[in-house]
Amino acid sequence: MFMNGTIIDGVFDSSENEFTLQRVKSFHTQSVLNETQINNIYQYLRLHRDQEDGQIITLYDQMPLRLSQEESSQLISDLEKVKSMYH
């Protein structure tokens, strides 16, 4: 099932119960995330959602990508959609 979010896009594979992240902001990527990984990212962002400076995430463990406070909130919403797909 394809998920088109505000900050992320990807495909959820219900047979494997995993989400393949394909886009973060305007950058294309390919990362497979299990439910625990999605939950960890979600919980971290929720705990730090009020930081005025936003967050920095990395793609491929090499490329830093800045998220404003608003983008962090949008990513939380996107992750809530992904979380609802896991069984």
N, C-alpha and C. Protein backbone atom coordinates (compact mmCIF):
# COMPACT_ATOMS: atom_id res chain seq x y z
N MET A 1 0.84 -1.16 0.00
CA MET A 1 0.00 0.00 0.00
C MET A 1 0.90 1.24 0.00
N PHE A 2 0.66 2.14 -0.94
CA PHE A 2 1.46 3.37 -1.05
C PHE A 2 0.95 4.40 -0.07
N MET A 3 1.86 5.08 0.62
CA MET A 3 1.52 6.15 1.54
C MET A 3 2.21 7.42 1.06
N ASN A 4 1.40 8.41 0.74
CA ASN A 4 1.90 9.69 0.27
C ASN A 4 1.66 10.71 1.37
N GLY A 5 2.72 11.05 2.10
CA GLY A 5 2.59 11.99 3.21
C GLY A 5 3.10 13.37 2.83
N THR A 6 3.10 14.25 3.79
CA THR A 6 3.58 15.60 3.59
C THR A 6 5.10 15.64 3.52
N ILE A 7 5.76 14.89 4.42
CA ILE A 7 7.21 14.87 4.50
C ILE A 7 7.79 13.59 3.90
N ILE A 8 7.09 12.47 4.08
CA ILE A 8 7.61 11.19 3.59
C ILE A 8 6.61 10.50 2.68
N ASP A 9 7.15 9.70 1.76
CA ASP A 9 6.37 8.77 0.93
C ASP A 9 6.99 7.40 1.09
N GLY A 10 6.20 6.39 0.86
CA GLY A 10 6.74 5.04 0.91
C GLY A 10 5.67 4.01 0.65
N VAL A 11 6.09 2.77 0.74
CA VAL A 11 5.20 1.64 0.47
C VAL A 11 5.20 0.72 1.68
N PHE A 12 4.01 0.36 2.14
CA PHE A 12 3.89 -0.59 3.24
C PHE A 12 3.64 -1.98 2.66
N ASP A 13 4.46 -2.93 3.05
CA ASP A 13 4.32 -4.33 2.64
C ASP A 13 3.67 -5.08 3.79
N SER A 14 2.39 -5.38 3.66
CA SER A 14 1.67 -6.04 4.75
C SER A 14 2.11 -7.48 4.95
N SER A 15 2.62 -8.13 3.91
CA SER A 15 3.07 -9.52 4.08
C SER A 15 4.36 -9.59 4.90
N GLU A 16 5.20 -8.57 4.80
CA GLU A 16 6.45 -8.52 5.57
C GLU A 16 6.31 -7.63 6.82
N ASN A 17 5.20 -6.89 6.88
CA ASN A 17 4.95 -5.96 7.98
C ASN A 17 6.09 -4.95 8.13
N GLU A 18 6.43 -4.32 6.98
CA GLU A 18 7.50 -3.32 7.00
C GLU A 18 7.19 -2.20 6.02
N PHE A 19 7.78 -1.05 6.29
CA PHE A 19 7.56 0.15 5.49
C PHE A 19 8.84 0.50 4.76
N THR A 20 8.75 0.67 3.45
CA THR A 20 9.89 1.10 2.66
C THR A 20 9.77 2.58 2.40
N LEU A 21 10.63 3.34 3.03
CA LEU A 21 10.67 4.79 2.89
C LEU A 21 11.29 5.12 1.54
N GLN A 22 10.61 5.95 0.75
CA GLN A 22 11.09 6.26 -0.59
C GLN A 22 11.41 7.74 -0.80
N ARG A 23 10.84 8.61 0.05
CA ARG A 23 11.10 10.05 -0.08
C ARG A 23 11.04 10.70 1.30
N VAL A 24 12.01 11.58 1.56
CA VAL A 24 11.99 12.45 2.73
C VAL A 24 12.17 13.87 2.20
N LYS A 25 11.17 14.71 2.45
CA LYS A 25 11.11 16.04 1.85
C LYS A 25 11.23 15.89 0.33
N SER A 26 12.24 16.47 -0.28
CA SER A 26 12.37 16.35 -1.73
C SER A 26 13.46 15.36 -2.14
N PHE A 27 13.98 14.60 -1.18
CA PHE A 27 15.07 13.67 -1.45
C PHE A 27 14.55 12.24 -1.57
N HIS A 28 15.00 11.57 -2.60
CA HIS A 28 14.64 10.16 -2.80
C HIS A 28 15.60 9.29 -2.01
N THR A 29 15.05 8.25 -1.41
CA THR A 29 15.83 7.35 -0.58
C THR A 29 15.21 5.96 -0.67
N GLN A 30 15.84 4.99 -0.07
CA GLN A 30 15.31 3.63 -0.04
C GLN A 30 15.76 3.00 1.27
N SER A 31 14.86 3.01 2.26
CA SER A 31 15.16 2.43 3.56
C SER A 31 13.97 1.62 4.02
N VAL A 32 14.23 0.43 4.51
CA VAL A 32 13.17 -0.44 5.02
C VAL A 32 13.14 -0.30 6.54
N LEU A 33 11.95 0.02 7.06
CA LEU A 33 11.79 0.25 8.49
C LEU A 33 10.75 -0.71 9.07
N ASN A 34 11.11 -1.34 10.18
CA ASN A 34 10.13 -2.20 10.84
C ASN A 34 9.32 -1.38 11.84
N GLU A 35 8.38 -2.02 12.49
CA GLU A 35 7.48 -1.31 13.40
C GLU A 35 8.24 -0.67 14.57
N THR A 36 9.20 -1.36 15.12
CA THR A 36 9.98 -0.83 16.24
C THR A 36 10.72 0.43 15.83
N GLN A 37 11.32 0.43 14.65
CA GLN A 37 12.06 1.60 14.18
C GLN A 37 11.13 2.79 13.98
N ILE A 38 9.97 2.55 13.38
CA ILE A 38 8.99 3.63 13.18
C ILE A 38 8.54 4.17 14.53
N ASN A 39 8.26 3.28 15.48
CA ASN A 39 7.83 3.71 16.82
C ASN A 39 8.91 4.52 17.53
N ASN A 40 10.16 4.12 17.39
CA ASN A 40 11.27 4.84 18.03
C ASN A 40 11.41 6.25 17.46
N ILE A 41 11.33 6.38 16.15
CA ILE A 41 11.41 7.70 15.51
C ILE A 41 10.24 8.57 15.96
N TYR A 42 9.06 7.98 15.95
CA TYR A 42 7.83 8.68 16.34
C TYR A 42 7.93 9.18 17.78
N GLN A 43 8.33 8.31 18.70
CA GLN A 43 8.41 8.69 20.11
C GLN A 43 9.46 9.79 20.33
N TYR A 44 10.60 9.68 19.66
CA TYR A 44 11.64 10.70 19.78
C TYR A 44 11.11 12.06 19.30
N LEU A 45 10.47 12.08 18.15
CA LEU A 45 9.97 13.35 17.62
C LEU A 45 8.88 13.93 18.51
N ARG A 46 8.02 13.10 19.06
CA ARG A 46 6.97 13.58 19.97
C ARG A 46 7.58 14.19 21.24
N LEU A 47 8.62 13.55 21.76
CA LEU A 47 9.26 14.08 22.97
C LEU A 47 9.95 15.42 22.73
N HIS A 48 10.41 15.65 21.50
CA HIS A 48 11.17 16.85 21.17
C HIS A 48 10.41 17.79 20.23
N ARG A 49 9.13 17.65 20.15
CA ARG A 49 8.34 18.43 19.19
C ARG A 49 8.34 19.93 19.46
N ASP A 50 8.62 20.35 20.68
CA ASP A 50 8.57 21.77 21.02
C ASP A 50 9.90 22.49 20.84
N GLN A 51 10.90 21.82 20.34
CA GLN A 51 12.19 22.48 20.12
C GLN A 51 12.08 23.45 18.95
N GLU A 52 12.35 24.70 19.22
CA GLU A 52 12.20 25.74 18.21
C GLU A 52 13.14 25.55 17.03
N ASP A 53 14.28 24.93 17.25
CA ASP A 53 15.26 24.74 16.19
C ASP A 53 14.93 23.58 15.28
N GLY A 54 13.89 22.81 15.60
CA GLY A 54 13.54 21.66 14.79
C GLY A 54 14.47 20.49 15.07
N GLN A 55 14.63 19.63 14.06
CA GLN A 55 15.44 18.42 14.19
C GLN A 55 16.33 18.25 12.96
N ILE A 56 17.38 17.48 13.14
CA ILE A 56 18.22 17.11 12.01
C ILE A 56 18.19 15.58 11.93
N ILE A 57 17.84 15.08 10.76
CA ILE A 57 17.88 13.64 10.52
C ILE A 57 18.93 13.38 9.44
N THR A 58 19.35 12.15 9.31
CA THR A 58 20.32 11.83 8.26
C THR A 58 19.76 10.79 7.32
N LEU A 59 20.11 10.94 6.07
CA LEU A 59 19.79 9.93 5.06
C LEU A 59 21.07 9.18 4.76
N TYR A 60 20.96 7.88 4.71
CA TYR A 60 22.11 7.01 4.43
C TYR A 60 23.23 7.19 5.46
N ASP A 61 22.89 7.66 6.66
CA ASP A 61 23.86 7.90 7.72
C ASP A 61 24.98 8.85 7.30
N GLN A 62 24.75 9.65 6.28
CA GLN A 62 25.77 10.55 5.76
C GLN A 62 25.27 11.96 5.50
N MET A 63 24.04 12.08 5.01
CA MET A 63 23.56 13.37 4.55
C MET A 63 22.58 13.98 5.56
N PRO A 64 23.01 15.02 6.30
CA PRO A 64 22.11 15.65 7.26
C PRO A 64 21.00 16.41 6.54
N LEU A 65 19.81 16.32 7.12
CA LEU A 65 18.63 16.97 6.54
C LEU A 65 17.89 17.68 7.68
N ARG A 66 17.77 18.98 7.56
CA ARG A 66 17.14 19.77 8.62
C ARG A 66 15.62 19.77 8.45
N LEU A 67 14.93 19.58 9.58
CA LEU A 67 13.48 19.68 9.63
C LEU A 67 13.12 20.84 10.57
N SER A 68 12.33 21.77 10.08
CA SER A 68 11.86 22.86 10.94
C SER A 68 10.90 22.26 11.97
N GLN A 69 10.51 23.06 12.94
CA GLN A 69 9.55 22.59 13.95
C GLN A 69 8.24 22.18 13.27
N GLU A 70 7.80 22.94 12.28
CA GLU A 70 6.57 22.61 11.55
C GLU A 70 6.74 21.31 10.77
N GLU A 71 7.88 21.13 10.11
CA GLU A 71 8.13 19.90 9.36
C GLU A 71 8.21 18.70 10.29
N SER A 72 8.77 18.89 11.49
CA SER A 72 8.80 17.80 12.47
C SER A 72 7.38 17.38 12.84
N SER A 73 6.50 18.35 13.02
CA SER A 73 5.09 18.05 13.33
C SER A 73 4.41 17.33 12.17
N GLN A 74 4.74 17.75 10.95
CA GLN A 74 4.18 17.08 9.77
C GLN A 74 4.69 15.64 9.67
N LEU A 75 5.96 15.44 10.00
CA LEU A 75 6.52 14.09 9.98
C LEU A 75 5.85 13.22 11.04
N ILE A 76 5.56 13.77 12.20
CA ILE A 76 4.83 13.03 13.23
C ILE A 76 3.49 12.56 12.68
N SER A 77 2.79 13.44 11.99
CA SER A 77 1.49 13.07 11.39
C SER A 77 1.66 11.97 10.35
N ASP A 78 2.70 12.09 9.53
CA ASP A 78 2.97 11.05 8.52
C ASP A 78 3.26 9.71 9.20
N LEU A 79 4.04 9.75 10.27
CA LEU A 79 4.39 8.51 10.97
C LEU A 79 3.17 7.88 11.64
N GLU A 80 2.23 8.70 12.07
CA GLU A 80 0.99 8.16 12.64
C GLU A 80 0.23 7.35 11.59
N LYS A 81 0.24 7.82 10.36
CA LYS A 81 -0.39 7.07 9.26
C LYS A 81 0.32 5.74 9.05
N VAL A 82 1.65 5.77 9.05
CA VAL A 82 2.43 4.55 8.86
C VAL A 82 2.18 3.58 10.02
N LYS A 83 2.18 4.10 11.25
CA LYS A 83 1.97 3.25 12.43
C LYS A 83 0.64 2.50 12.34
N SER A 84 -0.37 3.14 11.78
CA SER A 84 -1.70 2.50 11.69
C SER A 84 -1.71 1.33 10.72
N MET A 85 -0.71 1.22 9.87
CA MET A 85 -0.66 0.13 8.88
C MET A 85 -0.11 -1.17 9.45
N TYR A 86 0.68 -1.07 10.52
CA TYR A 86 1.29 -2.28 11.09
C TYR A 86 0.23 -3.13 11.75
N HIS A 87 0.45 -4.44 11.75
CA HIS A 87 -0.49 -5.36 12.40
C HIS A 87 0.22 -6.27 13.35
